[in-house]
């Protein structure tokens, strides 16, 4: 997958094979956990198995951070927004506010 024009990307690998590659909006390493915020407003197909061990690469300009972690969860937060159209009708739209993966860091 070609990810031109992005500043941060992530790769999830198993046995050297890339399972997933996506642009990132953020990542957080805290208290032994790695949280990846994915730049996507659509729900993703997650190829990882709960509690499976994976290699994670975070690719930044000039630096790659490599971690090994246990896959814990996929979070997909949806919110609704109600607006009035020009004709006075209220319409409700759904949008995604977060699309993230959580790993427990092994090393």
PDB file of N, CA and C in Angstrom:
ATOM      1  N   UNK A   1       0.848  -1.176   0.000  1.00  0.00           N
ATOM      2  CA  UNK A   1       0.000   0.000   0.000  1.00  0.00           C
ATOM      3  C   UNK A   1       0.890   1.234   0.000  1.00  0.00           C
ATOM      4  N   UNK A   2       0.633   2.138  -0.899  1.00  0.00           N
ATOM      5  CA  UNK A   2       1.382   3.393  -1.002  1.00  0.00           C
ATOM      6  C   UNK A   2       0.733   4.441  -0.109  1.00  0.00           C
ATOM      7  N   UNK A   3       1.505   5.038   0.792  1.00  0.00           N
ATOM      8  CA  UNK A   3       0.971   6.017   1.738  1.00  0.00           C
ATOM      9  C   UNK A   3       1.675   7.352   1.553  1.00  0.00           C
ATOM     10  N   UNK A   4       1.483   7.968   0.394  1.00  0.00           N
ATOM     11  CA  UNK A   4       2.162   9.218   0.084  1.00  0.00           C
ATOM     12  C   UNK A   4       1.568  10.380   0.861  1.00  0.00           C
ATOM     13  N   UNK A   5       2.412  11.319   1.238  1.00  0.00           N
ATOM     14  CA  UNK A   5       1.955  12.553   1.847  1.00  0.00           C
ATOM     15  C   UNK A   5       1.587  12.450   3.320  1.00  0.00           C
ATOM     16  N   UNK A   6       1.800  11.304   3.938  1.00  0.00           N
ATOM     17  CA  UNK A   6       1.496  11.167   5.358  1.00  0.00           C
ATOM     18  C   UNK A   6       2.778  11.302   6.158  1.00  0.00           C
ATOM     19  N   UNK A   7       2.663  11.854   7.340  1.00  0.00           N
ATOM     20  CA  UNK A   7       3.829  12.042   8.179  1.00  0.00           C
ATOM     21  C   UNK A   7       4.080  10.861   9.094  1.00  0.00           C
ATOM     22  N   UNK A   8       3.009  10.175   9.492  1.00  0.00           N
ATOM     23  CA  UNK A   8       3.129   9.021  10.389  1.00  0.00           C
ATOM     24  C   UNK A   8       2.318   7.871   9.823  1.00  0.00           C
ATOM     25  N   UNK A   9       2.917   6.708   9.804  1.00  0.00           N
ATOM     26  CA  UNK A   9       2.194   5.502   9.407  1.00  0.00           C
ATOM     27  C   UNK A   9       2.532   4.395  10.385  1.00  0.00           C
ATOM     28  N   UNK A  10       1.727   3.353  10.355  1.00  0.00           N
ATOM     29  CA  UNK A  10       2.005   2.177  11.178  1.00  0.00           C
ATOM     30  C   UNK A  10       1.885   0.936  10.319  1.00  0.00           C
ATOM     31  N   UNK A  11       2.627  -0.075  10.735  1.00  0.00           N
ATOM     32  CA  UNK A  11       2.556  -1.396  10.115  1.00  0.00           C
ATOM     33  C   UNK A  11       2.414  -2.421  11.225  1.00  0.00           C
ATOM     34  N   UNK A  12       1.540  -3.382  11.012  1.00  0.00           N
ATOM     35  CA  UNK A  12       1.410  -4.522  11.910  1.00  0.00           C
ATOM     36  C   UNK A  12       1.891  -5.730  11.126  1.00  0.00           C
ATOM     37  N   UNK A  13       2.852  -6.459  11.711  1.00  0.00           N
ATOM     38  CA  UNK A  13       3.444  -7.602  11.026  1.00  0.00           C
ATOM     39  C   UNK A  13       3.320  -8.870  11.862  1.00  0.00           C
ATOM     40  N   UNK A  14       3.196 -10.000  11.173  1.00  0.00           N
ATOM     41  CA  UNK A  14       3.217 -11.322  11.806  1.00  0.00           C
ATOM     42  C   UNK A  14       4.131 -12.188  10.963  1.00  0.00           C
ATOM     43  N   UNK A  15       5.159 -12.733  11.594  1.00  0.00           N
ATOM     44  CA  UNK A  15       6.136 -13.583  10.900  1.00  0.00           C
ATOM     45  C   UNK A  15       6.722 -12.882   9.674  1.00  0.00           C
ATOM     46  N   UNK A  16       6.958 -11.572   9.778  1.00  0.00           N
ATOM     47  CA  UNK A  16       7.552 -10.794   8.696  1.00  0.00           C
ATOM     48  C   UNK A  16       6.581 -10.351   7.614  1.00  0.00           C
ATOM     49  N   UNK A  17       5.328 -10.782   7.681  1.00  0.00           N
ATOM     50  CA  UNK A  17       4.313 -10.405   6.689  1.00  0.00           C
ATOM     51  C   UNK A  17       3.504  -9.214   7.191  1.00  0.00           C
ATOM     52  N   UNK A  18       3.333  -8.212   6.341  1.00  0.00           N
ATOM     53  CA  UNK A  18       2.555  -7.032   6.705  1.00  0.00           C
ATOM     54  C   UNK A  18       1.068  -7.389   6.653  1.00  0.00           C
ATOM     55  N   UNK A  19       0.400  -7.307   7.818  1.00  0.00           N
ATOM     56  CA  UNK A  19      -1.034  -7.583   7.904  1.00  0.00           C
ATOM     57  C   UNK A  19      -1.865  -6.321   7.698  1.00  0.00           C
ATOM     58  N   UNK A  20      -1.297  -5.203   8.122  1.00  0.00           N
ATOM     59  CA  UNK A  20      -2.053  -3.958   8.109  1.00  0.00           C
ATOM     60  C   UNK A  20      -1.076  -2.801   8.010  1.00  0.00           C
ATOM     61  N   UNK A  21      -1.416  -1.799   7.213  1.00  0.00           N
ATOM     62  CA  UNK A  21      -0.606  -0.588   7.088  1.00  0.00           C
ATOM     63  C   UNK A  21      -1.562   0.580   6.905  1.00  0.00           C
ATOM     64  N   UNK A  22      -1.490   1.566   7.803  1.00  0.00           N
ATOM     65  CA  UNK A  22      -2.428   2.680   7.792  1.00  0.00           C
ATOM     66  C   UNK A  22      -1.722   3.961   8.228  1.00  0.00           C
ATOM     67  N   UNK A  23      -2.193   5.118   7.740  1.00  0.00           N
ATOM     68  CA  UNK A  23      -1.686   6.383   8.262  1.00  0.00           C
ATOM     69  C   UNK A  23      -2.203   6.596   9.683  1.00  0.00           C
ATOM     70  N   UNK A  24      -1.388   7.247  10.512  1.00  0.00           N
ATOM     71  CA  UNK A  24      -1.746   7.508  11.915  1.00  0.00           C
ATOM     72  C   UNK A  24      -2.049   8.982  12.139  1.00  0.00           C
ATOM     73  N   UNK A  25      -2.989   9.234  13.035  1.00  0.00           N
ATOM     74  CA  UNK A  25      -3.236  10.593  13.506  1.00  0.00           C
ATOM     75  C   UNK A  25      -2.482  10.834  14.804  1.00  0.00           C
ATOM     76  N   UNK A  26      -2.213   9.751  15.550  1.00  0.00           N
ATOM     77  CA  UNK A  26      -1.514   9.853  16.830  1.00  0.00           C
ATOM     78  C   UNK A  26      -1.085   8.462  17.270  1.00  0.00           C
ATOM     79  N   UNK A  27      -0.147   8.425  18.204  1.00  0.00           N
ATOM     80  CA  UNK A  27       0.157   7.188  18.920  1.00  0.00           C
ATOM     81  C   UNK A  27       0.576   7.573  20.327  1.00  0.00           C
ATOM     82  N   UNK A  28       0.278   6.699  21.284  1.00  0.00           N
ATOM     83  CA  UNK A  28       0.589   6.954  22.687  1.00  0.00           C
ATOM     84  C   UNK A  28       1.185   5.682  23.286  1.00  0.00           C
ATOM     85  N   UNK A  29       2.318   5.842  23.951  1.00  0.00           N
ATOM     86  CA  UNK A  29       2.914   4.748  24.722  1.00  0.00           C
ATOM     87  C   UNK A  29       2.827   5.168  26.171  1.00  0.00           C
ATOM     88  N   UNK A  30       2.057   4.400  26.947  1.00  0.00           N
ATOM     89  CA  UNK A  30       1.823   4.777  28.339  1.00  0.00           C
ATOM     90  C   UNK A  30       1.518   3.530  29.158  1.00  0.00           C
ATOM     91  N   UNK A  31       2.172   3.407  30.302  1.00  0.00           N
ATOM     92  CA  UNK A  31       1.937   2.323  31.263  1.00  0.00           C
ATOM     93  C   UNK A  31       1.964   0.951  30.605  1.00  0.00           C
ATOM     94  N   UNK A  32       2.918   0.746  29.711  1.00  0.00           N
ATOM     95  CA  UNK A  32       3.080  -0.554  29.068  1.00  0.00           C
ATOM     96  C   UNK A  32       2.109  -0.833  27.936  1.00  0.00           C
ATOM     97  N   UNK A  33       1.345   0.176  27.530  1.00  0.00           N
ATOM     98  CA  UNK A  33       0.396   0.025  26.430  1.00  0.00           C
ATOM     99  C   UNK A  33       0.793   0.910  25.259  1.00  0.00           C
ATOM    100  N   UNK A  34       0.411   0.480  24.074  1.00  0.00           N
ATOM    101  CA  UNK A  34       0.605   1.257  22.852  1.00  0.00           C
ATOM    102  C   UNK A  34      -0.759   1.453  22.212  1.00  0.00           C
ATOM    103  N   UNK A  35      -1.161   2.702  22.072  1.00  0.00           N
ATOM    104  CA  UNK A  35      -2.425   3.054  21.441  1.00  0.00           C
ATOM    105  C   UNK A  35      -2.123   3.735  20.115  1.00  0.00           C
ATOM    106  N   UNK A  36      -2.750   3.242  19.043  1.00  0.00           N
ATOM    107  CA  UNK A  36      -2.554   3.789  17.709  1.00  0.00           C
ATOM    108  C   UNK A  36      -3.852   4.418  17.229  1.00  0.00           C
ATOM    109  N   UNK A  37      -3.839   5.709  16.927  1.00  0.00           N
ATOM    110  CA  UNK A  37      -4.990   6.407  16.368  1.00  0.00           C
ATOM    111  C   UNK A  37      -4.882   6.400  14.856  1.00  0.00           C
ATOM    112  N   UNK A  38      -5.815   5.742  14.194  1.00  0.00           N
ATOM    113  CA  UNK A  38      -5.764   5.551  12.747  1.00  0.00           C
ATOM    114  C   UNK A  38      -6.532   6.658  12.034  1.00  0.00           C
ATOM    115  N   UNK A  39      -5.928   7.215  10.978  1.00  0.00           N
ATOM    116  CA  UNK A  39      -6.592   8.234  10.154  1.00  0.00           C
ATOM    117  C   UNK A  39      -7.566   7.529   9.218  1.00  0.00           C
ATOM    118  N   UNK A  40      -8.774   7.325   9.692  1.00  0.00           N
ATOM    119  CA  UNK A  40      -9.803   6.695   8.877  1.00  0.00           C
ATOM    120  C   UNK A  40     -11.143   6.966   9.513  1.00  0.00           C
ATOM    121  N   UNK A  41     -12.127   7.309   8.687  1.00  0.00           N
ATOM    122  CA  UNK A  41     -13.475   7.520   9.204  1.00  0.00           C
ATOM    123  C   UNK A  41     -14.337   6.296   8.962  1.00  0.00           C
ATOM    124  N   UNK A  42     -13.753   5.256   8.401  1.00  0.00           N
ATOM    125  CA  UNK A  42     -14.497   4.032   8.144  1.00  0.00           C
ATOM    126  C   UNK A  42     -14.003   2.937   9.072  1.00  0.00           C
ATOM    127  N   UNK A  43     -14.910   2.043   9.422  1.00  0.00           N
ATOM    128  CA  UNK A  43     -14.544   0.885  10.216  1.00  0.00           C
ATOM    129  C   UNK A  43     -13.614   0.006   9.383  1.00  0.00           C
ATOM    130  N   UNK A  44     -12.580  -0.522  10.009  1.00  0.00           N
ATOM    131  CA  UNK A  44     -11.572  -1.295   9.294  1.00  0.00           C
ATOM    132  C   UNK A  44     -11.732  -2.785   9.560  1.00  0.00           C
ATOM    133  N   UNK A  45     -11.306  -3.599   8.604  1.00  0.00           N
ATOM    134  CA  UNK A  45     -11.191  -5.034   8.834  1.00  0.00           C
ATOM    135  C   UNK A  45      -9.888  -5.258   9.573  1.00  0.00           C
ATOM    136  N   UNK A  46      -9.975  -5.870  10.726  1.00  0.00           N
ATOM    137  CA  UNK A  46      -8.799  -6.076  11.565  1.00  0.00           C
ATOM    138  C   UNK A  46      -8.317  -7.519  11.397  1.00  0.00           C
ATOM    139  N   UNK A  47      -7.110  -7.708  10.856  1.00  0.00           N
ATOM    140  CA  UNK A  47      -6.622  -9.063  10.605  1.00  0.00           C
ATOM    141  C   UNK A  47      -5.956  -9.724  11.812  1.00  0.00           C
ATOM    142  N   UNK A  48      -5.911  -9.036  12.963  1.00  0.00           N
ATOM    143  CA  UNK A  48      -5.249  -9.603  14.133  1.00  0.00           C
ATOM    144  C   UNK A  48      -6.227 -10.432  14.964  1.00  0.00           C
ATOM    145  N   UNK A  49      -5.669 -11.354  15.738  1.00  0.00           N
ATOM    146  CA  UNK A  49      -6.434 -12.198  16.644  1.00  0.00           C
ATOM    147  C   UNK A  49      -6.244 -11.665  18.060  1.00  0.00           C
ATOM    148  N   UNK A  50      -7.342 -11.573  18.825  1.00  0.00           N
ATOM    149  CA  UNK A  50      -7.272 -11.106  20.203  1.00  0.00           C
ATOM    150  C   UNK A  50      -6.228 -11.910  20.975  1.00  0.00           C
ATOM    151  N   UNK A  51      -5.359 -11.199  21.674  1.00  0.00           N
ATOM    152  CA  UNK A  51      -4.269 -11.748  22.483  1.00  0.00           C
ATOM    153  C   UNK A  51      -3.133 -12.358  21.644  1.00  0.00           C
ATOM    154  N   UNK A  52      -3.156 -12.121  20.333  1.00  0.00           N
ATOM    155  CA  UNK A  52      -2.059 -12.567  19.486  1.00  0.00           C
ATOM    156  C   UNK A  52      -0.877 -11.619  19.609  1.00  0.00           C
ATOM    157  N   UNK A  53       0.317 -12.122  19.347  1.00  0.00           N
ATOM    158  CA  UNK A  53       1.549 -11.327  19.443  1.00  0.00           C
ATOM    159  C   UNK A  53       1.949 -10.866  18.044  1.00  0.00           C
ATOM    160  N   UNK A  54       2.231  -9.547  17.935  1.00  0.00           N
ATOM    161  CA  UNK A  54       2.538  -8.941  16.643  1.00  0.00           C
ATOM    162  C   UNK A  54       3.699  -7.963  16.766  1.00  0.00           C
ATOM    163  N   UNK A  55       4.381  -7.753  15.646  1.00  0.00           N
ATOM    164  CA  UNK A  55       5.393  -6.712  15.554  1.00  0.00           C
ATOM    165  C   UNK A  55       4.699  -5.456  15.047  1.00  0.00           C
ATOM    166  N   UNK A  56       4.992  -4.328  15.692  1.00  0.00           N
ATOM    167  CA  UNK A  56       4.375  -3.059  15.343  1.00  0.00           C
ATOM    168  C   UNK A  56       5.474  -2.081  14.962  1.00  0.00           C
ATOM    169  N   UNK A  57       5.329  -1.445  13.823  1.00  0.00           N
ATOM    170  CA  UNK A  57       6.270  -0.415  13.394  1.00  0.00           C
ATOM    171  C   UNK A  57       5.516   0.898  13.271  1.00  0.00           C
ATOM    172  N   UNK A  58       6.059   1.945  13.882  1.00  0.00           N
ATOM    173  CA  UNK A  58       5.532   3.298  13.735  1.00  0.00           C
ATOM    174  C   UNK A  58       6.577   4.059  12.946  1.00  0.00           C
ATOM    175  N   UNK A  59       6.196   4.479  11.736  1.00  0.00           N
ATOM    176  CA  UNK A  59       7.139   5.118  10.821  1.00  0.00           C
ATOM    177  C   UNK A  59       6.918   6.626  10.860  1.00  0.00           C
ATOM    178  N   UNK A  60       7.932   7.337  11.346  1.00  0.00           N
ATOM    179  CA  UNK A  60       7.930   8.795  11.438  1.00  0.00           C
ATOM    180  C   UNK A  60       8.955   9.328  10.447  1.00  0.00           C
ATOM    181  N   UNK A  61       8.909  10.606  10.109  1.00  0.00           N
ATOM    182  CA  UNK A  61       9.956  11.157   9.249  1.00  0.00           C
ATOM    183  C   UNK A  61      11.336  10.980   9.912  1.00  0.00           C
ATOM    184  N   UNK A  62      12.183  10.203   9.303  1.00  0.00           N
ATOM    185  CA  UNK A  62      13.540  10.021   9.807  1.00  0.00           C
ATOM    186  C   UNK A  62      13.684   9.032  10.947  1.00  0.00           C
ATOM    187  N   UNK A  63      12.625   8.337  11.355  1.00  0.00           N
ATOM    188  CA  UNK A  63      12.718   7.411  12.479  1.00  0.00           C
ATOM    189  C   UNK A  63      11.628   6.345  12.387  1.00  0.00           C
ATOM    190  N   UNK A  64      11.980   5.124  12.753  1.00  0.00           N
ATOM    191  CA  UNK A  64      11.005   4.044  12.870  1.00  0.00           C
ATOM    192  C   UNK A  64      11.084   3.485  14.277  1.00  0.00           C
ATOM    193  N   UNK A  65       9.937   3.412  14.943  1.00  0.00           N
ATOM    194  CA  UNK A  65       9.843   2.840  16.285  1.00  0.00           C
ATOM    195  C   UNK A  65       9.295   1.428  16.127  1.00  0.00           C
ATOM    196  N   UNK A  66      10.016   0.444  16.636  1.00  0.00           N
ATOM    197  CA  UNK A  66       9.602  -0.954  16.527  1.00  0.00           C
ATOM    198  C   UNK A  66       9.265  -1.491  17.911  1.00  0.00           C
ATOM    199  N   UNK A  67       8.097  -2.115  18.020  1.00  0.00           N
ATOM    200  CA  UNK A  67       7.643  -2.719  19.269  1.00  0.00           C
ATOM    201  C   UNK A  67       7.048  -4.080  18.974  1.00  0.00           C
ATOM    202  N   UNK A  68       7.048  -4.930  19.980  1.00  0.00           N
ATOM    203  CA  UNK A  68       6.343  -6.205  19.925  1.00  0.00           C
ATOM    204  C   UNK A  68       5.227  -6.091  20.944  1.00  0.00           C
ATOM    205  N   UNK A  69       4.013  -6.497  20.563  1.00  0.00           N
ATOM    206  CA  UNK A  69       2.905  -6.324  21.479  1.00  0.00           C
ATOM    207  C   UNK A  69       1.810  -7.355  21.313  1.00  0.00           C
ATOM    208  N   UNK A  70       0.984  -7.453  22.352  1.00  0.00           N
ATOM    209  CA  UNK A  70      -0.193  -8.321  22.357  1.00  0.00           C
ATOM    210  C   UNK A  70      -1.393  -7.465  21.962  1.00  0.00           C
ATOM    211  N   UNK A  71      -2.120  -7.914  20.947  1.00  0.00           N
ATOM    212  CA  UNK A  71      -3.290  -7.171  20.480  1.00  0.00           C
ATOM    213  C   UNK A  71      -4.426  -7.313  21.496  1.00  0.00           C
ATOM    214  N   UNK A  72      -4.921  -6.152  21.999  1.00  0.00           N
ATOM    215  CA  UNK A  72      -5.991  -6.150  22.997  1.00  0.00           C
ATOM    216  C   UNK A  72      -7.343  -5.722  22.455  1.00  0.00           C
ATOM    217  N   UNK A  73      -7.383  -4.638  21.662  1.00  0.00           N
ATOM    218  CA  UNK A  73      -8.707  -4.180  21.228  1.00  0.00           C
ATOM    219  C   UNK A  73      -8.638  -3.242  20.033  1.00  0.00           C
ATOM    220  N   UNK A  74      -9.802  -3.148  19.394  1.00  0.00           N
ATOM    221  CA  UNK A  74     -10.039  -2.198  18.306  1.00  0.00           C
ATOM    222  C   UNK A  74     -11.198  -1.326  18.759  1.00  0.00           C
ATOM    223  N   UNK A  75     -10.977  -0.027  18.805  1.00  0.00           N
ATOM    224  CA  UNK A  75     -12.008   0.908  19.243  1.00  0.00           C
ATOM    225  C   UNK A  75     -12.466   1.732  18.052  1.00  0.00           C
ATOM    226  N   UNK A  76     -13.770   1.781  17.888  1.00  0.00           N
ATOM    227  CA  UNK A  76     -14.373   2.540  16.802  1.00  0.00           C
ATOM    228  C   UNK A  76     -15.510   3.340  17.414  1.00  0.00           C
ATOM    229  N   UNK A  77     -15.309   4.640  17.586  1.00  0.00           N
ATOM    230  CA  UNK A  77     -16.283   5.491  18.252  1.00  0.00           C
ATOM    231  C   UNK A  77     -17.071   6.262  17.199  1.00  0.00           C
ATOM    232  N   UNK A  78     -18.382   6.155  17.269  1.00  0.00           N
ATOM    233  CA  UNK A  78     -19.263   6.836  16.336  1.00  0.00           C
ATOM    234  C   UNK A  78     -20.091   7.859  17.111  1.00  0.00           C
ATOM    235  N   UNK A  79     -20.295   9.035  16.523  1.00  0.00           N
ATOM    236  CA  UNK A  79     -21.152  10.031  17.148  1.00  0.00           C
ATOM    237  C   UNK A  79     -22.163  10.522  16.115  1.00  0.00           C
ATOM    238  N   UNK A  80     -23.244  11.096  16.603  1.00  0.00           N
ATOM    239  CA  UNK A  80     -24.250  11.629  15.697  1.00  0.00           C
ATOM    240  C   UNK A  80     -24.280  13.152  15.802  1.00  0.00           C
ATOM    241  N   UNK A  81     -24.653  13.782  14.706  1.00  0.00           N
ATOM    242  CA  UNK A  81     -24.755  15.235  14.644  1.00  0.00           C
ATOM    243  C   UNK A  81     -26.072  15.578  13.958  1.00  0.00           C
ATOM    244  N   UNK A  82     -26.896  16.386  14.621  1.00  0.00           N
ATOM    245  CA  UNK A  82     -28.173  16.788  14.045  1.00  0.00           C
ATOM    246  C   UNK A  82     -28.081  18.240  13.584  1.00  0.00           C
ATOM    247  N   UNK A  83     -28.463  18.468  12.335  1.00  0.00           N
ATOM    248  CA  UNK A  83     -28.421  19.815  11.755  1.00  0.00           C
ATOM    249  C   UNK A  83     -29.750  20.097  11.069  1.00  0.00           C
ATOM    250  N   UNK A  84     -30.067  21.374  10.952  1.00  0.00           N
ATOM    251  CA  UNK A  84     -31.265  21.793  10.220  1.00  0.00           C
ATOM    252  C   UNK A  84     -30.875  22.124   8.787  1.00  0.00           C
ATOM    253  N   UNK A  85     -31.593  21.531   7.851  1.00  0.00           N
ATOM    254  CA  UNK A  85     -31.368  21.828   6.438  1.00  0.00           C
ATOM    255  C   UNK A  85     -32.014  23.169   6.101  1.00  0.00           C
ATOM    256  N   UNK A  86     -31.770  23.647   4.899  1.00  0.00           N
ATOM    257  CA  UNK A  86     -32.343  24.933   4.449  1.00  0.00           C
ATOM    258  C   UNK A  86     -33.866  24.931   4.483  1.00  0.00           C
ATOM    259  N   UNK A  87     -34.458  23.746   4.313  1.00  0.00           N
ATOM    260  CA  UNK A  87     -35.922  23.652   4.323  1.00  0.00           C
ATOM    261  C   UNK A  87     -36.496  23.503   5.740  1.00  0.00           C
ATOM    262  N   UNK A  88     -35.631  23.585   6.764  1.00  0.00           N
ATOM    263  CA  UNK A  88     -36.075  23.508   8.154  1.00  0.00           C
ATOM    264  C   UNK A  88     -36.158  22.101   8.710  1.00  0.00           C
ATOM    265  N   UNK A  89     -35.913  21.096   7.891  1.00  0.00           N
ATOM    266  CA  UNK A  89     -35.943  19.706   8.337  1.00  0.00           C
ATOM    267  C   UNK A  89     -34.666  19.381   9.117  1.00  0.00           C
ATOM    268  N   UNK A  90     -34.825  18.681  10.232  1.00  0.00           N
ATOM    269  CA  UNK A  90     -33.653  18.227  10.988  1.00  0.00           C
ATOM    270  C   UNK A  90     -33.186  16.892  10.425  1.00  0.00           C
ATOM    271  N   UNK A  91     -31.898  16.786  10.256  1.00  0.00           N
ATOM    272  CA  UNK A  91     -31.294  15.550   9.749  1.00  0.00           C
ATOM    273  C   UNK A  91     -30.162  15.154  10.688  1.00  0.00           C
ATOM    274  N   UNK A  92     -30.055  13.867  10.919  1.00  0.00           N
ATOM    275  CA  UNK A  92     -29.004  13.349  11.785  1.00  0.00           C
ATOM    276  C   UNK A  92     -28.002  12.574  10.934  1.00  0.00           C
ATOM    277  N   UNK A  93     -26.726  12.881  11.130  1.00  0.00           N
ATOM    278  CA  UNK A  93     -25.645  12.239  10.408  1.00  0.00           C
ATOM    279  C   UNK A  93     -24.741  11.524  11.408  1.00  0.00           C
ATOM    280  N   UNK A  94     -24.171  10.417  10.983  1.00  0.00           N
ATOM    281  CA  UNK A  94     -23.222   9.688  11.810  1.00  0.00           C
ATOM    282  C   UNK A  94     -21.813   9.945  11.299  1.00  0.00           C
ATOM    283  N   UNK A  95     -20.873  10.038  12.224  1.00  0.00           N
ATOM    284  CA  UNK A  95     -19.475  10.242  11.862  1.00  0.00           C
ATOM    285  C   UNK A  95     -18.617   9.473  12.850  1.00  0.00           C
ATOM    286  N   UNK A  96     -17.381   9.250  12.491  1.00  0.00           N
ATOM    287  CA  UNK A  96     -16.442   8.537  13.354  1.00  0.00           C
ATOM    288  C   UNK A  96     -15.508   9.537  14.000  1.00  0.00           C
ATOM    289  N   UNK A  97     -15.325   9.425  15.318  1.00  0.00           N
ATOM    290  CA  UNK A  97     -14.422  10.351  15.996  1.00  0.00           C
ATOM    291  C   UNK A  97     -13.100   9.694  16.367  1.00  0.00           C
ATOM    292  N   UNK A  98     -13.052   8.380  16.381  1.00  0.00           N
ATOM    293  CA  UNK A  98     -11.804   7.699  16.730  1.00  0.00           C
ATOM    294  C   UNK A  98     -11.828   6.305  16.148  1.00  0.00           C
ATOM    295  N   UNK A  99     -10.686   5.872  15.700  1.00  0.00           N
ATOM    296  CA  UNK A  99     -10.507   4.565  15.101  1.00  0.00           C
ATOM    297  C   UNK A  99      -9.148   4.102  15.609  1.00  0.00           C
ATOM    298  N   UNK A 100      -9.113   3.263  16.628  1.00  0.00           N
ATOM    299  CA  UNK A 100      -7.825   2.974  17.235  1.00  0.00           C
ATOM    300  C   UNK A 100      -7.594   1.539  17.629  1.00  0.00           C
ATOM    301  N   UNK A 101      -6.324   1.182  17.728  1.00  0.00           N
ATOM    302  CA  UNK A 101      -5.882  -0.134  18.155  1.00  0.00           C
ATOM    303  C   UNK A 101      -5.135  -0.012  19.470  1.00  0.00           C
ATOM    304  N   UNK A 102      -5.272  -1.025  20.325  1.00  0.00           N
ATOM    305  CA  UNK A 102      -4.569  -1.041  21.596  1.00  0.00           C
ATOM    306  C   UNK A 102      -3.775  -2.329  21.724  1.00  0.00           C
ATOM    307  N   UNK A 103      -2.493  -2.176  22.077  1.00  0.00           N
ATOM    308  CA  UNK A 103      -1.593  -3.299  22.281  1.00  0.00           C
ATOM    309  C   UNK A 103      -0.962  -3.202  23.657  1.00  0.00           C
ATOM    310  N   UNK A 104      -0.671  -4.339  24.271  1.00  0.00           N
ATOM    311  CA  UNK A 104       0.140  -4.409  25.489  1.00  0.00           C
ATOM    312  C   UNK A 104       1.564  -4.659  25.011  1.00  0.00           C
ATOM    313  N   UNK A 105       2.492  -3.796  25.375  1.00  0.00           N
ATOM    314  CA  UNK A 105       3.866  -3.879  24.890  1.00  0.00           C
ATOM    315  C   UNK A 105       4.615  -5.017  25.583  1.00  0.00           C
ATOM    316  N   UNK A 106       5.280  -5.850  24.774  1.00  0.00           N
ATOM    317  CA  UNK A 106       6.139  -6.918  25.297  1.00  0.00           C
ATOM    318  C   UNK A 106       7.598  -6.497  25.246  1.00  0.00           C
ATOM    319  N   UNK A 107       7.953  -5.720  24.263  1.00  0.00           N
ATOM    320  CA  UNK A 107       9.338  -5.293  24.135  1.00  0.00           C
ATOM    321  C   UNK A 107       9.543  -4.376  22.965  1.00  0.00           C
TER     322      UNK A 107
END
